[in-house]
Amino acid sequence: MRRWLITGCSSGLGRALALAAAGAGDQVAATARKPAALEELVRAHPGRITPIALDVRDAEQCERAARTAADRLGGIDVLVNNAGSGLFGAVEEVGDAELREQLEVLLVGPWRLARLVLPLMRAQRSGHIVNVSSLAGRMAFPGLAAYVTGKFALEGMSQALAGEVAEHGIRVTVVEPGGFATDYGNALVESATRLPAYAASTGAALDGFRTMADNQELGRPEEFADAVLRVVRDGGASGPLRVPIGPDAYTYLAAAERAAQEELAAARALVRPEPSA
């Protein structure tokens, strides 16, 4: 039996993962900013899901949540940093305060929680930190500059962390969901400033994100949850750092890898041109 601390469980991927882990017989500390949103989870698996109030932007709440989870469950084997938010706006449109808040959710909160659970995991010489990134952790989209900045940074932090904690028996995995049928698009918050100059470059992207929840070709949250369970259960000490998940994830990332190789070749030709005959 594993003991999970999962953030962002009120809906979508986090909710599906909490249900799947509890359904597999594990103990789950499920967090949400409003604990009332977790009542259905508790009813679905009485005695296996512990609801905890947590806004990952709040340092005191993070400390309290980690302590409560460890006390109630008798320890923490798996931390899943899933809580998220999305800010939509071009670089010129996003203000300093908006950028800071986005990074508090996507980077500072996960960093803080990892720092809080690591002493427990080091003491037991085992543990697994799963950071939920996105395809936007490896490829950028117009209008999501603040969001992709947070996800790119989360992936960099995760890679560094993996090298730091491996000797203590602790694994780190970055899961990169592709398109899933959640309410993510409708939950996007637009920056306070919107400039007509960027309507063409960002408008279509925003429309696409808004309709994600209705796209039947996207993955289902339950499929994401099953994949994460397999990563935790079967990944082993030498499992991959990055695990793309979803029907479109590998297609998009393969295209991004090809584009990166083409860009590398073009850059090499620019700075190290072949000598003239």
C-alpha atoms as a PDB file:
ATOM      1  CA  MET A   1       0.000   0.000   0.000  1.00  0.00           C
ATOM      2  CA  ARG A   2       1.310   3.436  -0.964  1.00  0.00           C
ATOM      3  CA  ARG A   3       0.558   6.725   0.735  1.00  0.00           C
ATOM      4  CA  TRP A   4      -0.112   9.575  -1.690  1.00  0.00           C
ATOM      5  CA  LEU A   5      -0.249  13.341  -1.309  1.00  0.00           C
ATOM      6  CA  ILE A   6      -1.932  14.719  -4.436  1.00  0.00           C
ATOM      7  CA  THR A   7      -2.606  18.409  -5.020  1.00  0.00           C
ATOM      8  CA  GLY A   8      -5.390  19.857  -7.150  1.00  0.00           C
ATOM      9  CA  CYS A   9      -7.961  17.086  -6.682  1.00  0.00           C
ATOM     10  CA  SER A  10     -11.200  19.033  -7.039  1.00  0.00           C
ATOM     11  CA  SER A  11     -11.590  18.175 -10.726  1.00  0.00           C
ATOM     12  CA  GLY A  12      -9.921  16.888 -13.866  1.00  0.00           C
ATOM     13  CA  LEU A  13      -6.691  14.919 -13.763  1.00  0.00           C
ATOM     14  CA  GLY A  14      -6.099  15.256 -10.026  1.00  0.00           C
ATOM     15  CA  ARG A  15      -9.575  14.028  -9.164  1.00  0.00           C
ATOM     16  CA  ALA A  16      -9.222  11.037 -11.489  1.00  0.00           C
ATOM     17  CA  LEU A  17      -5.826  10.151 -10.012  1.00  0.00           C
ATOM     18  CA  ALA A  18      -7.071  10.344  -6.417  1.00  0.00           C
ATOM     19  CA  LEU A  19      -9.953   8.012  -7.272  1.00  0.00           C
ATOM     20  CA  ALA A  20      -7.677   5.587  -9.114  1.00  0.00           C
ATOM     21  CA  ALA A  21      -5.077   5.426  -6.339  1.00  0.00           C
ATOM     22  CA  ALA A  22      -7.711   4.878  -3.667  1.00  0.00           C
ATOM     23  CA  GLY A  23      -9.435   2.335  -5.888  1.00  0.00           C
ATOM     24  CA  ALA A  24      -6.148   0.440  -6.118  1.00  0.00           C
ATOM     25  CA  GLY A  25      -6.109   0.094  -2.338  1.00  0.00           C
ATOM     26  CA  ASP A  26      -3.762   2.961  -1.519  1.00  0.00           C
ATOM     27  CA  GLN A  27      -4.205   5.771   0.997  1.00  0.00           C
ATOM     28  CA  VAL A  28      -4.623   9.253  -0.474  1.00  0.00           C
ATOM     29  CA  ALA A  29      -4.348  12.724   1.018  1.00  0.00           C
ATOM     30  CA  ALA A  30      -6.253  14.748  -1.579  1.00  0.00           C
ATOM     31  CA  THR A  31      -6.011  18.524  -1.561  1.00  0.00           C
ATOM     32  CA  ALA A  32      -8.073  21.344  -2.979  1.00  0.00           C
ATOM     33  CA  ARG A  33      -8.459  25.017  -2.216  1.00  0.00           C
ATOM     34  CA  LYS A  34     -12.068  24.307  -1.196  1.00  0.00           C
ATOM     35  CA  PRO A  35     -12.332  20.989   0.704  1.00  0.00           C
ATOM     36  CA  ALA A  36     -16.069  20.817   0.011  1.00  0.00           C
ATOM     37  CA  ALA A  37     -15.126  19.935  -3.572  1.00  0.00           C
ATOM     38  CA  LEU A  38     -13.585  16.704  -2.251  1.00  0.00           C
ATOM     39  CA  GLU A  39     -16.688  15.348  -0.503  1.00  0.00           C
ATOM     40  CA  GLU A  40     -17.618  13.125  -3.444  1.00  0.00           C
ATOM     41  CA  LEU A  41     -14.150  11.564  -3.420  1.00  0.00           C
ATOM     42  CA  VAL A  42     -14.403  10.790   0.283  1.00  0.00           C
ATOM     43  CA  ARG A  43     -17.812   9.177  -0.198  1.00  0.00           C
ATOM     44  CA  ALA A  44     -16.515   7.095  -3.095  1.00  0.00           C
ATOM     45  CA  HIS A  45     -13.706   5.590  -0.996  1.00  0.00           C
ATOM     46  CA  PRO A  46     -14.500   5.917   2.721  1.00  0.00           C
ATOM     47  CA  GLY A  47     -11.427   5.565   4.873  1.00  0.00           C
ATOM     48  CA  ARG A  48      -9.025   5.795   1.948  1.00  0.00           C
ATOM     49  CA  ILE A  49      -9.183   9.491   1.028  1.00  0.00           C
ATOM     50  CA  THR A  50      -8.246  12.236   3.471  1.00  0.00           C
ATOM     51  CA  PRO A  51      -9.378  15.701   2.314  1.00  0.00           C
ATOM     52  CA  ILE A  52      -7.015  18.599   3.038  1.00  0.00           C
ATOM     53  CA  ALA A  53      -7.445  22.309   2.313  1.00  0.00           C
ATOM     54  CA  LEU A  54      -4.521  23.661   0.321  1.00  0.00           C
ATOM     55  CA  ASP A  55      -3.757  26.672  -1.804  1.00  0.00           C
ATOM     56  CA  VAL A  56      -0.224  25.962  -3.030  1.00  0.00           C
ATOM     57  CA  ARG A  57       0.509  29.698  -3.152  1.00  0.00           C
ATOM     58  CA  ASP A  58       0.297  29.818   0.649  1.00  0.00           C
ATOM     59  CA  ALA A  59       3.476  28.667   2.427  1.00  0.00           C
ATOM     60  CA  GLU A  60       1.741  28.064   5.768  1.00  0.00           C
ATOM     61  CA  GLN A  61      -0.976  25.981   4.126  1.00  0.00           C
ATOM     62  CA  CYS A  62       1.687  23.915   2.347  1.00  0.00           C
ATOM     63  CA  GLU A  63       3.447  23.200   5.638  1.00  0.00           C
ATOM     64  CA  ARG A  64       0.155  22.291   7.308  1.00  0.00           C
ATOM     65  CA  ALA A  65      -0.929  20.055   4.425  1.00  0.00           C
ATOM     66  CA  ALA A  66       2.350  18.128   4.328  1.00  0.00           C
ATOM     67  CA  ARG A  67       2.304  17.674   8.105  1.00  0.00           C
ATOM     68  CA  THR A  68      -1.358  16.609   8.140  1.00  0.00           C
ATOM     69  CA  ALA A  69      -0.853  14.122   5.313  1.00  0.00           C
ATOM     70  CA  ALA A  70       2.166  12.562   7.009  1.00  0.00           C
ATOM     71  CA  ASP A  71       0.368  12.349  10.364  1.00  0.00           C
ATOM     72  CA  ARG A  72      -2.900  10.951   9.011  1.00  0.00           C
ATOM     73  CA  LEU A  73      -1.316   8.462   6.614  1.00  0.00           C
ATOM     74  CA  GLY A  74       1.712   7.581   8.712  1.00  0.00           C
ATOM     75  CA  GLY A  75       4.093   8.930   6.076  1.00  0.00           C
ATOM     76  CA  ILE A  76       4.212   9.985   2.425  1.00  0.00           C
ATOM     77  CA  ASP A  77       5.442   7.668  -0.316  1.00  0.00           C
ATOM     78  CA  VAL A  78       4.286   9.625  -3.362  1.00  0.00           C
ATOM     79  CA  LEU A  79       3.920  13.377  -3.833  1.00  0.00           C
ATOM     80  CA  VAL A  80       2.027  14.423  -6.954  1.00  0.00           C
ATOM     81  CA  ASN A  81       2.291  18.135  -7.722  1.00  0.00           C
ATOM     82  CA  ASN A  82      -0.773  18.484  -9.912  1.00  0.00           C
ATOM     83  CA  ALA A  83      -2.422  21.747  -8.823  1.00  0.00           C
ATOM     84  CA  GLY A  84      -2.373  24.241 -11.640  1.00  0.00           C
ATOM     85  CA  SER A  85      -3.830  27.312 -13.245  1.00  0.00           C
ATOM     86  CA  GLY A  86      -3.542  28.858 -16.663  1.00  0.00           C
ATOM     87  CA  LEU A  87      -2.893  32.506 -17.511  1.00  0.00           C
ATOM     88  CA  PHE A  88      -3.554  33.516 -21.105  1.00  0.00           C
ATOM     89  CA  GLY A  89      -1.848  36.571 -22.530  1.00  0.00           C
ATOM     90  CA  ALA A  90       1.011  37.619 -24.776  1.00  0.00           C
ATOM     91  CA  VAL A  91       4.323  38.568 -23.159  1.00  0.00           C
ATOM     92  CA  GLU A  92       3.611  42.284 -23.617  1.00  0.00           C
ATOM     93  CA  GLU A  93       0.175  41.879 -22.052  1.00  0.00           C
ATOM     94  CA  VAL A  94       1.086  39.992 -18.862  1.00  0.00           C
ATOM     95  CA  GLY A  95       1.858  42.206 -15.873  1.00  0.00           C
ATOM     96  CA  ASP A  96       4.414  41.527 -13.149  1.00  0.00           C
ATOM     97  CA  ALA A  97       1.839  40.559 -10.515  1.00  0.00           C
ATOM     98  CA  GLU A  98       0.088  38.194 -12.933  1.00  0.00           C
ATOM     99  CA  LEU A  99       3.374  36.533 -13.832  1.00  0.00           C
ATOM    100  CA  ARG A 100       4.364  36.097 -10.188  1.00  0.00           C
ATOM    101  CA  GLU A 101       1.022  34.504  -9.319  1.00  0.00           C
ATOM    102  CA  GLN A 102       1.285  32.080 -12.240  1.00  0.00           C
ATOM    103  CA  LEU A 103       4.773  31.017 -11.163  1.00  0.00           C
ATOM    104  CA  GLU A 104       3.656  30.662  -7.535  1.00  0.00           C
ATOM    105  CA  VAL A 105       1.200  27.985  -8.639  1.00  0.00           C
ATOM    106  CA  LEU A 106       3.252  26.218 -11.297  1.00  0.00           C
ATOM    107  CA  LEU A 107       6.765  26.379  -9.833  1.00  0.00           C
ATOM    108  CA  VAL A 108       7.096  27.795  -6.323  1.00  0.00           C
ATOM    109  CA  GLY A 109       4.284  25.673  -4.864  1.00  0.00           C
ATOM    110  CA  PRO A 110       5.651  22.360  -6.210  1.00  0.00           C
ATOM    111  CA  TRP A 111       9.180  23.344  -5.168  1.00  0.00           C
ATOM    112  CA  ARG A 112       7.940  24.167  -1.661  1.00  0.00           C
ATOM    113  CA  LEU A 113       6.050  20.877  -1.276  1.00  0.00           C
ATOM    114  CA  ALA A 114       8.997  18.859  -2.555  1.00  0.00           C
ATOM    115  CA  ARG A 115      11.204  20.569   0.014  1.00  0.00           C
ATOM    116  CA  LEU A 116       8.700  19.696   2.754  1.00  0.00           C
ATOM    117  CA  VAL A 117       8.363  15.977   1.946  1.00  0.00           C
ATOM    118  CA  LEU A 118      12.007  15.264   1.117  1.00  0.00           C
ATOM    119  CA  PRO A 119      13.160  14.932   4.758  1.00  0.00           C
ATOM    120  CA  LEU A 120      10.483  12.241   5.271  1.00  0.00           C
ATOM    121  CA  MET A 121      11.464  10.425   2.107  1.00  0.00           C
ATOM    122  CA  ARG A 122      15.173  10.604   2.880  1.00  0.00           C
ATOM    123  CA  ALA A 123      14.535   9.191   6.360  1.00  0.00           C
ATOM    124  CA  GLN A 124      12.658   6.203   4.914  1.00  0.00           C
ATOM    125  CA  ARG A 125      15.115   5.980   1.985  1.00  0.00           C
ATOM    126  CA  SER A 126      12.288   5.751  -0.507  1.00  0.00           C
ATOM    127  CA  GLY A 127       9.759   7.975  -2.184  1.00  0.00           C
ATOM    128  CA  HIS A 128       8.533   9.257  -5.505  1.00  0.00           C
ATOM    129  CA  ILE A 129       7.893  12.859  -6.536  1.00  0.00           C
ATOM    130  CA  VAL A 130       5.679  13.179  -9.606  1.00  0.00           C
ATOM    131  CA  ASN A 131       5.496  16.659 -11.106  1.00  0.00           C
ATOM    132  CA  VAL A 132       2.651  17.160 -13.544  1.00  0.00           C
ATOM    133  CA  SER A 133       3.959  19.262 -16.397  1.00  0.00           C
ATOM    134  CA  SER A 134       2.459  19.402 -19.885  1.00  0.00           C
ATOM    135  CA  LEU A 135       3.432  19.323 -23.514  1.00  0.00           C
ATOM    136  CA  ALA A 136       3.877  23.022 -22.739  1.00  0.00           C
ATOM    137  CA  GLY A 137       6.877  21.994 -20.650  1.00  0.00           C
ATOM    138  CA  ARG A 138       8.720  21.243 -23.874  1.00  0.00           C
ATOM    139  CA  MET A 139       7.029  23.355 -26.534  1.00  0.00           C
ATOM    140  CA  ALA A 140       5.615  26.870 -26.396  1.00  0.00           C
ATOM    141  CA  PHE A 141       2.334  28.274 -27.679  1.00  0.00           C
ATOM    142  CA  PRO A 142       1.451  31.914 -28.457  1.00  0.00           C
ATOM    143  CA  GLY A 143      -0.598  33.414 -25.662  1.00  0.00           C
ATOM    144  CA  LEU A 144       0.631  30.974 -23.026  1.00  0.00           C
ATOM    145  CA  ALA A 145       4.013  32.558 -22.345  1.00  0.00           C
ATOM    146  CA  ALA A 146       3.559  32.706 -18.561  1.00  0.00           C
ATOM    147  CA  TYR A 147       2.184  29.165 -18.415  1.00  0.00           C
ATOM    148  CA  VAL A 148       4.934  27.602 -20.502  1.00  0.00           C
ATOM    149  CA  THR A 149       7.544  29.527 -18.509  1.00  0.00           C
ATOM    150  CA  GLY A 150       6.268  27.830 -15.361  1.00  0.00           C
ATOM    151  CA  LYS A 151       6.178  24.392 -16.973  1.00  0.00           C
ATOM    152  CA  PHE A 152       9.619  24.710 -18.589  1.00  0.00           C
ATOM    153  CA  ALA A 153      11.011  25.740 -15.196  1.00  0.00           C
ATOM    154  CA  LEU A 154       9.245  22.851 -13.440  1.00  0.00           C
ATOM    155  CA  GLU A 155      10.885  20.403 -15.833  1.00  0.00           C
ATOM    156  CA  GLY A 156      14.312  21.916 -15.214  1.00  0.00           C
ATOM    157  CA  MET A 157      13.817  21.773 -11.450  1.00  0.00           C
ATOM    158  CA  SER A 158      12.691  18.153 -11.735  1.00  0.00           C
ATOM    159  CA  GLN A 159      15.733  17.121 -13.748  1.00  0.00           C
ATOM    160  CA  ALA A 160      18.081  18.728 -11.220  1.00  0.00           C
ATOM    161  CA  LEU A 161      16.168  17.208  -8.306  1.00  0.00           C
ATOM    162  CA  ALA A 162      16.323  13.722  -9.809  1.00  0.00           C
ATOM    163  CA  GLY A 163      20.111  13.857  -9.774  1.00  0.00           C
ATOM    164  CA  GLU A 164      20.167  15.152  -6.205  1.00  0.00           C
ATOM    165  CA  VAL A 165      17.956  12.517  -4.584  1.00  0.00           C
ATOM    166  CA  ALA A 166      18.631   9.296  -6.493  1.00  0.00           C
ATOM    167  CA  GLU A 167      21.245   8.183  -3.958  1.00  0.00           C
ATOM    168  CA  HIS A 168      18.579   8.424  -1.243  1.00  0.00           C
ATOM    169  CA  GLY A 169      16.260   5.984  -2.997  1.00  0.00           C
ATOM    170  CA  ILE A 170      13.918   8.734  -4.201  1.00  0.00           C
ATOM    171  CA  ARG A 171      12.572   8.865  -7.745  1.00  0.00           C
ATOM    172  CA  VAL A 172      11.439  11.924  -9.670  1.00  0.00           C
ATOM    173  CA  THR A 173       9.142  11.766 -12.681  1.00  0.00           C
ATOM    174  CA  VAL A 174       7.748  14.519 -14.872  1.00  0.00           C
ATOM    175  CA  VAL A 175       4.496  13.478 -16.517  1.00  0.00           C
ATOM    176  CA  GLU A 176       3.558  15.480 -19.596  1.00  0.00           C
ATOM    177  CA  PRO A 177      -0.152  15.262 -20.410  1.00  0.00           C
ATOM    178  CA  GLY A 178      -1.213  16.052 -23.930  1.00  0.00           C
ATOM    179  CA  GLY A 179      -4.793  17.014 -24.666  1.00  0.00           C
ATOM    180  CA  PHE A 180      -7.302  15.677 -22.153  1.00  0.00           C
ATOM    181  CA  ALA A 181     -11.014  16.325 -21.904  1.00  0.00           C
ATOM    182  CA  THR A 182     -10.972  18.516 -18.821  1.00  0.00           C
ATOM    183  CA  ASP A 183     -12.249  22.010 -18.119  1.00  0.00           C
ATOM    184  CA  TYR A 184      -8.748  23.469 -18.453  1.00  0.00           C
ATOM    185  CA  GLY A 185      -9.673  25.722 -21.375  1.00  0.00           C
ATOM    186  CA  ASN A 186     -12.617  27.294 -19.594  1.00  0.00           C
ATOM    187  CA  ALA A 187     -10.490  27.740 -16.475  1.00  0.00           C
ATOM    188  CA  LEU A 188      -7.924  29.862 -18.330  1.00  0.00           C
ATOM    189  CA  VAL A 189      -7.706  33.373 -16.933  1.00  0.00           C
ATOM    190  CA  GLU A 190      -7.036  36.131 -19.448  1.00  0.00           C
ATOM    191  CA  SER A 191      -4.504  38.805 -18.572  1.00  0.00           C
ATOM    192  CA  ALA A 192      -5.996  42.129 -17.517  1.00  0.00           C
ATOM    193  CA  THR A 193      -4.403  43.841 -20.513  1.00  0.00           C
ATOM    194  CA  ARG A 194      -5.367  42.635 -23.998  1.00  0.00           C
ATOM    195  CA  LEU A 195      -3.881  44.418 -27.003  1.00  0.00           C
ATOM    196  CA  PRO A 196      -5.462  44.352 -30.493  1.00  0.00           C
ATOM    197  CA  ALA A 197      -1.973  43.899 -31.944  1.00  0.00           C
ATOM    198  CA  TYR A 198      -1.955  40.285 -30.729  1.00  0.00           C
ATOM    199  CA  ALA A 199      -5.487  39.257 -31.695  1.00  0.00           C
ATOM    200  CA  ALA A 200      -4.287  37.328 -34.749  1.00  0.00           C
ATOM    201  CA  SER A 201      -1.431  35.470 -33.070  1.00  0.00           C
ATOM    202  CA  THR A 202      -3.269  34.494 -29.890  1.00  0.00           C
ATOM    203  CA  GLY A 203      -6.992  34.585 -30.685  1.00  0.00           C
ATOM    204  CA  ALA A 204      -7.218  31.232 -32.474  1.00  0.00           C
ATOM    205  CA  ALA A 205      -5.191  29.563 -29.735  1.00  0.00           C
ATOM    206  CA  LEU A 206      -7.563  30.818 -27.054  1.00  0.00           C
ATOM    207  CA  ASP A 207     -10.594  29.563 -28.991  1.00  0.00           C
ATOM    208  CA  GLY A 208      -8.970  26.138 -29.297  1.00  0.00           C
ATOM    209  CA  PHE A 209      -8.275  25.880 -25.590  1.00  0.00           C
ATOM    210  CA  ARG A 210     -11.818  26.974 -24.750  1.00  0.00           C
ATOM    211  CA  THR A 211     -13.299  24.023 -26.658  1.00  0.00           C
ATOM    212  CA  MET A 212     -10.954  21.332 -25.318  1.00  0.00           C
ATOM    213  CA  ALA A 213     -13.480  19.880 -22.880  1.00  0.00           C
ATOM    214  CA  ASP A 214     -15.881  19.081 -25.746  1.00  0.00           C
ATOM    215  CA  ASN A 215     -13.311  17.382 -28.007  1.00  0.00           C
ATOM    216  CA  GLN A 216     -14.091  13.665 -28.000  1.00  0.00           C
ATOM    217  CA  GLU A 217     -10.744  12.845 -29.618  1.00  0.00           C
ATOM    218  CA  LEU A 218      -8.880  13.916 -26.499  1.00  0.00           C
ATOM    219  CA  GLY A 219      -7.826  11.537 -23.746  1.00  0.00           C
ATOM    220  CA  ARG A 220     -10.025  10.866 -20.743  1.00  0.00           C
ATOM    221  CA  PRO A 221      -8.789  11.785 -17.248  1.00  0.00           C
ATOM    222  CA  GLU A 222      -9.151   8.137 -16.194  1.00  0.00           C
ATOM    223  CA  GLU A 223      -6.582   7.161 -18.832  1.00  0.00           C
ATOM    224  CA  PHE A 224      -4.156   9.684 -17.392  1.00  0.00           C
ATOM    225  CA  ALA A 225      -4.710   8.298 -13.899  1.00  0.00           C
ATOM    226  CA  ASP A 226      -4.090   4.712 -15.012  1.00  0.00           C
ATOM    227  CA  ALA A 227      -0.856   5.787 -16.714  1.00  0.00           C
ATOM    228  CA  VAL A 228       0.431   7.548 -13.591  1.00  0.00           C
ATOM    229  CA  LEU A 229      -0.363   4.483 -11.479  1.00  0.00           C
ATOM    230  CA  ARG A 230       1.729   2.393 -13.859  1.00  0.00           C
ATOM    231  CA  VAL A 231       4.583   4.903 -13.717  1.00  0.00           C
ATOM    232  CA  VAL A 232       4.621   4.764  -9.914  1.00  0.00           C
ATOM    233  CA  ARG A 233       4.093   1.013  -9.668  1.00  0.00           C
ATOM    234  CA  ASP A 234       6.222  -0.278 -12.537  1.00  0.00           C
ATOM    235  CA  GLY A 235       8.696   2.484 -13.415  1.00  0.00           C
ATOM    236  CA  GLY A 236      11.493   1.170 -11.231  1.00  0.00           C
ATOM    237  CA  ALA A 237      14.560   3.083 -10.111  1.00  0.00           C
ATOM    238  CA  SER A 238      15.720   3.507 -13.703  1.00  0.00           C
ATOM    239  CA  GLY A 239      12.397   4.668 -15.128  1.00  0.00           C
ATOM    240  CA  PRO A 240      12.396   7.622 -17.536  1.00  0.00           C
ATOM    241  CA  LEU A 241      12.443  11.127 -16.103  1.00  0.00           C
ATOM    242  CA  ARG A 242       9.875  12.425 -18.591  1.00  0.00           C
ATOM    243  CA  VAL A 243       6.730  10.458 -19.431  1.00  0.00           C
ATOM    244  CA  PRO A 244       4.372  11.945 -22.052  1.00  0.00           C
ATOM    245  CA  ILE A 245       0.774  10.791 -21.564  1.00  0.00           C
ATOM    246  CA  GLY A 246      -2.158  10.999 -23.950  1.00  0.00           C
ATOM    247  CA  PRO A 247      -3.191  10.070 -27.484  1.00  0.00           C
ATOM    248  CA  ASP A 248      -1.597  13.153 -29.057  1.00  0.00           C
ATOM    249  CA  ALA A 249       1.433  13.574 -26.799  1.00  0.00           C
ATOM    250  CA  TYR A 250       3.933  11.490 -28.738  1.00  0.00           C
ATOM    251  CA  THR A 251       2.829  12.896 -32.097  1.00  0.00           C
ATOM    252  CA  TYR A 252       3.365  16.493 -30.982  1.00  0.00           C
ATOM    253  CA  LEU A 253       6.649  15.771 -29.212  1.00  0.00           C
ATOM    254  CA  ALA A 254       8.041  13.844 -32.179  1.00  0.00           C
ATOM    255  CA  ALA A 255       7.265  16.843 -34.396  1.00  0.00           C
ATOM    256  CA  ALA A 256       8.883  19.147 -31.839  1.00  0.00           C
ATOM    257  CA  GLU A 257      12.019  16.967 -31.777  1.00  0.00           C
ATOM    258  CA  ARG A 258      12.272  17.111 -35.567  1.00  0.00           C
ATOM    259  CA  ALA A 259      11.885  20.881 -35.510  1.00  0.00           C
ATOM    260  CA  ALA A 260      14.578  21.122 -32.817  1.00  0.00           C
ATOM    261  CA  GLN A 261      17.004  19.089 -34.929  1.00  0.00           C
ATOM    262  CA  GLU A 262      16.308  21.288 -37.939  1.00  0.00           C
ATOM    263  CA  GLU A 263      16.855  24.394 -35.824  1.00  0.00           C
ATOM    264  CA  LEU A 264      20.125  22.966 -34.484  1.00  0.00           C
ATOM    265  CA  ALA A 265      21.354  22.292 -38.013  1.00  0.00           C
ATOM    266  CA  ALA A 266      20.403  25.808 -39.115  1.00  0.00           C
ATOM    267  CA  ALA A 267      22.154  27.338 -36.098  1.00  0.00           C
ATOM    268  CA  ARG A 268      25.303  25.314 -36.723  1.00  0.00           C
ATOM    269  CA  ALA A 269      25.344  26.419 -40.344  1.00  0.00           C
ATOM    270  CA  LEU A 270      24.923  30.035 -39.253  1.00  0.00           C
ATOM    271  CA  VAL A 271      27.754  30.178 -36.727  1.00  0.00           C
ATOM    272  CA  ARG A 272      30.044  27.556 -38.289  1.00  0.00           C
ATOM    273  CA  PRO A 273      29.538  27.882 -42.048  1.00  0.00           C
ATOM    274  CA  GLU A 274      31.215  25.376 -44.315  1.00  0.00           C
ATOM    275  CA  PRO A 275      34.376  26.852 -45.875  1.00  0.00           C
ATOM    276  CA  SER A 276      33.968  27.993 -49.449  1.00  0.00           C
ATOM    277  CA  ALA A 277      35.464  25.715 -52.104  1.00  0.00           C
END
